[in-house]
Amino acid sequence: MYKPNSLRAHLTAAIADLQRNPDKLLVFADKGSLHTTRTASRSFEYAYVLNIIVTDYSGEEDALIVPLLDWLATHQADLLGNDDKAKGIRFMVDFNNHNSVDISLEIDLTERVIVKQTGTRLDITHAGEVTPTPDYTAPWWQLYNGTTLLAEWQVQPIPPV
């Protein structure tokens, strides 16, 4: 599966707290299932709940959420701006003390895998997401709260189809 590692890299690069200690970011693919059709093709879709846990987080929650939403706009855009998918992003916060929290995010993700047959050979391709052009474009983003820099990240390109 491509998306868990892509999101891990994106958040680790964007958030200074995770750059200093990437072991605070835990990623799990839970409740996985395969969706197939009853055609001759062996193409299928992974469907799973991506569970992201950030432990002992002392930064602002917005510094985690905005880069996450940016990643979703490219890699799972159907979760954004769709009331039917509103429950596709869930979170829990465990307040450890006055300085840190543990944040758990659950995100419903899918990944399409195209399987094509040529003779006795099967070739797989992980299909990219169809995404609308965003309202904003820039190769590099910085998130501020007033004059405080919360996070910064590079826009990740859509992987080739």
C-alpha atoms as a PDB file:
ATOM      1  CA  MET A   1       0.000   0.000   0.000  1.00  0.00           C
ATOM      2  CA  TYR A   2       1.306   3.383  -1.018  1.00  0.00           C
ATOM      3  CA  LYS A   3      -0.701   5.894   1.001  1.00  0.00           C
ATOM      4  CA  PRO A   4       0.400   5.135   4.616  1.00  0.00           C
ATOM      5  CA  ASN A   5       4.089   5.686   3.811  1.00  0.00           C
ATOM      6  CA  SER A   6       3.291   8.752   1.722  1.00  0.00           C
ATOM      7  CA  LEU A   7       1.319  10.349   4.550  1.00  0.00           C
ATOM      8  CA  ARG A   8       3.995   9.452   7.117  1.00  0.00           C
ATOM      9  CA  ALA A   9       6.658  11.153   4.984  1.00  0.00           C
ATOM     10  CA  HIS A  10       4.446  14.197   4.399  1.00  0.00           C
ATOM     11  CA  LEU A  11       3.631  14.768   8.089  1.00  0.00           C
ATOM     12  CA  THR A  12       7.191  14.102   9.238  1.00  0.00           C
ATOM     13  CA  ALA A  13       8.519  16.637   6.740  1.00  0.00           C
ATOM     14  CA  ALA A  14       5.864  19.255   7.574  1.00  0.00           C
ATOM     15  CA  ILE A  15       5.863  19.236  11.378  1.00  0.00           C
ATOM     16  CA  ALA A  16       8.971  20.300  13.272  1.00  0.00           C
ATOM     17  CA  ASP A  17       8.093  18.196  16.340  1.00  0.00           C
ATOM     18  CA  LEU A  18       7.980  15.071  14.150  1.00  0.00           C
ATOM     19  CA  GLN A  19      11.167  16.049  12.309  1.00  0.00           C
ATOM     20  CA  ARG A  20      12.973  16.060  15.671  1.00  0.00           C
ATOM     21  CA  ASN A  21      11.399  12.803  16.813  1.00  0.00           C
ATOM     22  CA  PRO A  22       9.784  10.777  14.003  1.00  0.00           C
ATOM     23  CA  ASP A  23       9.148   7.878  16.416  1.00  0.00           C
ATOM     24  CA  LYS A  24       6.263   9.941  17.876  1.00  0.00           C
ATOM     25  CA  LEU A  25       4.315   9.176  14.681  1.00  0.00           C
ATOM     26  CA  LEU A  26       2.730   5.720  14.565  1.00  0.00           C
ATOM     27  CA  VAL A  27       0.797   4.542  11.497  1.00  0.00           C
ATOM     28  CA  PHE A  28      -1.488   1.493  11.225  1.00  0.00           C
ATOM     29  CA  ALA A  29      -3.812   0.206   8.512  1.00  0.00           C
ATOM     30  CA  ASP A  30      -6.857  -1.238  10.313  1.00  0.00           C
ATOM     31  CA  LYS A  31     -10.123  -2.861   9.253  1.00  0.00           C
ATOM     32  CA  GLY A  32      -8.809  -3.606   5.773  1.00  0.00           C
ATOM     33  CA  SER A  33     -10.873  -5.144   3.029  1.00  0.00           C
ATOM     34  CA  LEU A  34     -10.537  -5.854  -0.676  1.00  0.00           C
ATOM     35  CA  HIS A  35     -13.185  -4.739  -3.128  1.00  0.00           C
ATOM     36  CA  THR A  36     -13.358  -6.675  -6.383  1.00  0.00           C
ATOM     37  CA  THR A  37     -15.721  -7.078  -9.289  1.00  0.00           C
ATOM     38  CA  ARG A  38     -16.946 -10.286 -10.829  1.00  0.00           C
ATOM     39  CA  THR A  39     -15.236  -9.610 -14.149  1.00  0.00           C
ATOM     40  CA  ALA A  40     -12.305 -11.365 -15.803  1.00  0.00           C
ATOM     41  CA  SER A  41      -9.991  -8.630 -14.502  1.00  0.00           C
ATOM     42  CA  ARG A  42      -8.075  -9.162 -11.274  1.00  0.00           C
ATOM     43  CA  SER A  43      -8.125  -5.404 -10.559  1.00  0.00           C
ATOM     44  CA  PHE A  44      -9.155  -4.552  -7.024  1.00  0.00           C
ATOM     45  CA  GLU A  45      -9.291  -1.809  -4.420  1.00  0.00           C
ATOM     46  CA  TYR A  46      -7.792  -1.756  -0.948  1.00  0.00           C
ATOM     47  CA  ALA A  47     -10.132  -0.148   1.576  1.00  0.00           C
ATOM     48  CA  TYR A  48      -8.920   0.441   5.118  1.00  0.00           C
ATOM     49  CA  VAL A  49      -8.924   2.762   8.075  1.00  0.00           C
ATOM     50  CA  LEU A  50      -5.578   4.503   8.429  1.00  0.00           C
ATOM     51  CA  ASN A  51      -4.915   5.052  12.118  1.00  0.00           C
ATOM     52  CA  ILE A  52      -2.334   7.758  12.789  1.00  0.00           C
ATOM     53  CA  ILE A  53      -1.191   8.245  16.360  1.00  0.00           C
ATOM     54  CA  VAL A  54       1.021  11.130  17.401  1.00  0.00           C
ATOM     55  CA  THR A  55       2.334  10.625  20.930  1.00  0.00           C
ATOM     56  CA  ASP A  56       3.471  13.282  23.388  1.00  0.00           C
ATOM     57  CA  TYR A  57       2.567  16.040  20.945  1.00  0.00           C
ATOM     58  CA  SER A  58       3.222  19.514  22.324  1.00  0.00           C
ATOM     59  CA  GLY A  59       2.529  21.578  19.203  1.00  0.00           C
ATOM     60  CA  GLU A  60      -0.714  23.155  18.047  1.00  0.00           C
ATOM     61  CA  GLU A  61      -3.260  20.729  16.645  1.00  0.00           C
ATOM     62  CA  ASP A  62      -3.726  22.958  13.577  1.00  0.00           C
ATOM     63  CA  ALA A  63      -0.072  22.324  12.668  1.00  0.00           C
ATOM     64  CA  LEU A  64      -0.990  18.649  12.295  1.00  0.00           C
ATOM     65  CA  ILE A  65      -4.450  19.003  10.735  1.00  0.00           C
ATOM     66  CA  VAL A  66      -3.734  21.521   7.946  1.00  0.00           C
ATOM     67  CA  PRO A  67      -0.871  19.488   6.384  1.00  0.00           C
ATOM     68  CA  LEU A  68      -3.067  16.381   6.738  1.00  0.00           C
ATOM     69  CA  LEU A  69      -5.905  18.095   4.846  1.00  0.00           C
ATOM     70  CA  ASP A  70      -3.428  19.222   2.188  1.00  0.00           C
ATOM     71  CA  TRP A  71      -2.277  15.612   1.737  1.00  0.00           C
ATOM     72  CA  LEU A  72      -5.888  14.405   1.557  1.00  0.00           C
ATOM     73  CA  ALA A  73      -6.669  16.991  -1.153  1.00  0.00           C
ATOM     74  CA  THR A  74      -4.206  15.148  -3.382  1.00  0.00           C
ATOM     75  CA  HIS A  75      -4.494  11.540  -2.225  1.00  0.00           C
ATOM     76  CA  GLN A  76      -8.131  11.095  -1.078  1.00  0.00           C
ATOM     77  CA  ALA A  77      -9.993  14.194  -2.214  1.00  0.00           C
ATOM     78  CA  ASP A  78     -13.409  12.539  -1.930  1.00  0.00           C
ATOM     79  CA  LEU A  79     -13.188  12.949   1.863  1.00  0.00           C
ATOM     80  CA  LEU A  80     -13.153  16.735   1.570  1.00  0.00           C
ATOM     81  CA  GLY A  81     -16.262  18.820   0.972  1.00  0.00           C
ATOM     82  CA  ASN A  82     -18.606  15.833   0.836  1.00  0.00           C
ATOM     83  CA  ASP A  83     -21.206  15.538   3.584  1.00  0.00           C
ATOM     84  CA  ASP A  84     -21.599  11.807   2.890  1.00  0.00           C
ATOM     85  CA  LYS A  85     -17.902  11.348   3.660  1.00  0.00           C
ATOM     86  CA  ALA A  86     -17.917  13.685   6.680  1.00  0.00           C
ATOM     87  CA  LYS A  87     -17.361  10.733   8.989  1.00  0.00           C
ATOM     88  CA  GLY A  88     -14.325   9.614   6.970  1.00  0.00           C
ATOM     89  CA  ILE A  89     -11.950  11.580   9.224  1.00  0.00           C
ATOM     90  CA  ARG A  90     -12.227  10.992  12.970  1.00  0.00           C
ATOM     91  CA  PHE A  91      -9.992  11.834  15.906  1.00  0.00           C
ATOM     92  CA  MET A  92      -9.474  11.311  19.617  1.00  0.00           C
ATOM     93  CA  VAL A  93      -7.242  13.297  21.946  1.00  0.00           C
ATOM     94  CA  ASP A  94      -5.766  11.991  25.197  1.00  0.00           C
ATOM     95  CA  PHE A  95      -4.564  14.860  27.373  1.00  0.00           C
ATOM     96  CA  ASN A  96      -1.371  13.590  29.001  1.00  0.00           C
ATOM     97  CA  ASN A  97      -0.580  16.675  31.079  1.00  0.00           C
ATOM     98  CA  HIS A  98      -0.528  20.455  30.655  1.00  0.00           C
ATOM     99  CA  ASN A  99       2.173  20.215  27.982  1.00  0.00           C
ATOM    100  CA  SER A 100       1.365  17.301  25.677  1.00  0.00           C
ATOM    101  CA  VAL A 101      -1.380  15.157  24.177  1.00  0.00           C
ATOM    102  CA  ASP A 102      -1.659  11.912  22.285  1.00  0.00           C
ATOM    103  CA  ILE A 103      -3.700  12.394  19.115  1.00  0.00           C
ATOM    104  CA  SER A 104      -5.268   9.512  17.233  1.00  0.00           C
ATOM    105  CA  LEU A 105      -6.707  10.122  13.758  1.00  0.00           C
ATOM    106  CA  GLU A 106      -8.738   7.570  11.809  1.00  0.00           C
ATOM    107  CA  ILE A 107      -9.062   8.168   8.076  1.00  0.00           C
ATOM    108  CA  ASP A 108     -11.018   6.011   5.625  1.00  0.00           C
ATOM    109  CA  LEU A 109      -8.729   5.425   2.641  1.00  0.00           C
ATOM    110  CA  THR A 110      -8.917   3.493  -0.597  1.00  0.00           C
ATOM    111  CA  GLU A 111      -6.278   2.541  -3.152  1.00  0.00           C
ATOM    112  CA  ARG A 112      -7.121   1.190  -6.600  1.00  0.00           C
ATOM    113  CA  VAL A 113      -4.866  -1.457  -8.124  1.00  0.00           C
ATOM    114  CA  ILE A 114      -5.192  -2.140 -11.839  1.00  0.00           C
ATOM    115  CA  VAL A 115      -4.181  -5.637 -12.949  1.00  0.00           C
ATOM    116  CA  LYS A 116      -3.686  -6.142 -16.700  1.00  0.00           C
ATOM    117  CA  GLN A 117      -3.003  -9.451 -18.381  1.00  0.00           C
ATOM    118  CA  THR A 118      -0.672  -9.880 -21.348  1.00  0.00           C
ATOM    119  CA  GLY A 119      -0.482 -13.546 -22.219  1.00  0.00           C
ATOM    120  CA  THR A 120       0.561 -15.269 -18.998  1.00  0.00           C
ATOM    121  CA  ARG A 121       1.950 -12.076 -17.506  1.00  0.00           C
ATOM    122  CA  LEU A 122       0.034  -9.934 -14.988  1.00  0.00           C
ATOM    123  CA  ASP A 123       1.107  -6.304 -14.525  1.00  0.00           C
ATOM    124  CA  ILE A 124      -0.089  -4.153 -11.635  1.00  0.00           C
ATOM    125  CA  THR A 125      -0.410  -0.388 -11.489  1.00  0.00           C
ATOM    126  CA  HIS A 126      -1.480   1.606  -8.462  1.00  0.00           C
ATOM    127  CA  ALA A 127      -3.933   4.101  -9.888  1.00  0.00           C
ATOM    128  CA  GLY A 128      -3.557   7.727  -8.856  1.00  0.00           C
ATOM    129  CA  GLU A 129      -6.472   9.741  -7.545  1.00  0.00           C
ATOM    130  CA  VAL A 130      -8.517  12.021  -9.733  1.00  0.00           C
ATOM    131  CA  THR A 131      -8.203  15.398  -8.065  1.00  0.00           C
ATOM    132  CA  PRO A 132      -9.643  18.773  -8.961  1.00  0.00           C
ATOM    133  CA  THR A 133      -7.306  21.698  -9.366  1.00  0.00           C
ATOM    134  CA  PRO A 134      -6.967  23.311  -5.937  1.00  0.00           C
ATOM    135  CA  ASP A 135      -8.059  26.882  -5.311  1.00  0.00           C
ATOM    136  CA  TYR A 136      -4.442  27.677  -4.561  1.00  0.00           C
ATOM    137  CA  THR A 137      -1.174  26.495  -6.040  1.00  0.00           C
ATOM    138  CA  ALA A 138       2.311  26.838  -4.650  1.00  0.00           C
ATOM    139  CA  PRO A 139       5.216  24.411  -4.404  1.00  0.00           C
ATOM    140  CA  TRP A 140       5.857  25.277  -0.739  1.00  0.00           C
ATOM    141  CA  TRP A 141       3.495  26.121   2.142  1.00  0.00           C
ATOM    142  CA  GLN A 142       3.984  27.661   5.556  1.00  0.00           C
ATOM    143  CA  LEU A 143       1.252  27.622   8.217  1.00  0.00           C
ATOM    144  CA  TYR A 144       1.211  30.510  10.696  1.00  0.00           C
ATOM    145  CA  ASN A 145      -0.782  31.400  13.778  1.00  0.00           C
ATOM    146  CA  GLY A 146      -0.152  35.134  13.934  1.00  0.00           C
ATOM    147  CA  THR A 147       3.634  35.399  13.722  1.00  0.00           C
ATOM    148  CA  THR A 148       4.299  31.857  14.944  1.00  0.00           C
ATOM    149  CA  LEU A 149       5.338  29.351  12.283  1.00  0.00           C
ATOM    150  CA  LEU A 150       3.402  26.137  13.018  1.00  0.00           C
ATOM    151  CA  ALA A 151       4.362  23.924  10.075  1.00  0.00           C
ATOM    152  CA  GLU A 152       5.796  23.994   6.580  1.00  0.00           C
ATOM    153  CA  TRP A 153       5.670  21.487   3.748  1.00  0.00           C
ATOM    154  CA  GLN A 154       6.164  20.895   0.072  1.00  0.00           C
ATOM    155  CA  VAL A 155       3.177  19.995  -2.085  1.00  0.00           C
ATOM    156  CA  GLN A 156       3.455  16.314  -2.956  1.00  0.00           C
ATOM    157  CA  PRO A 157       2.917  15.463  -6.615  1.00  0.00           C
ATOM    158  CA  ILE A 158       0.332  12.883  -7.576  1.00  0.00           C
ATOM    159  CA  PRO A 159       2.119   9.597  -8.281  1.00  0.00           C
ATOM    160  CA  PRO A 160       2.150   8.496 -11.927  1.00  0.00           C
ATOM    161  CA  VAL A 161      -0.692   6.256 -13.018  1.00  0.00           C
END
